[in-house]
Amino acid sequence: QVQLEESGGGLVQAGDSLRLSCAASGRTFSTYAMGWFRQAPGKEREFVAGISLSSTTGYAESVKGRFTISRDNAKNTLYLQMTSLKPDDTAVYFCAAARPRGRLYYYSRDTEYESWGQGTQVTVSS
């Protein structure tokens, strides 16, 4: 399994931008489909964005047009660029890795993912 570590969270104001990073250990990062999830207090973990081996991407409706997921296989790093942040975006953000069934596949169900980071807190004040 790949080891994952998120960074880049913090306290920002509504309307601000933030970029999260997820550093992966090992040399197999490029063979994993990757995803970002988040969990707000008292709520279930939810899908935010996913990216396939070929960098096909998908987003939750709540973040579409505001968030961008990307990957740099040379740096073994996954990113989540977040813009126009809202208080509802406040949550712990997790990155996750999945063994894909093909180069175009990414997944929105957390049960598809086999490795998870510890999470990074994002707090958006109004």
Foldseek 3Di string as FASTA:
>chain_A
DKAKAKDWADEEAQQAKTKMKIAIDDLCLLQWKKFKWWDDPPGDIFGAKIAFSVGDIDGDPVQPPFWDWDDDSVRRMIMIIGGRDDQVPWTWMKMFIARDPDRGDIDGDPVRTDYMYPTDTHGYHD
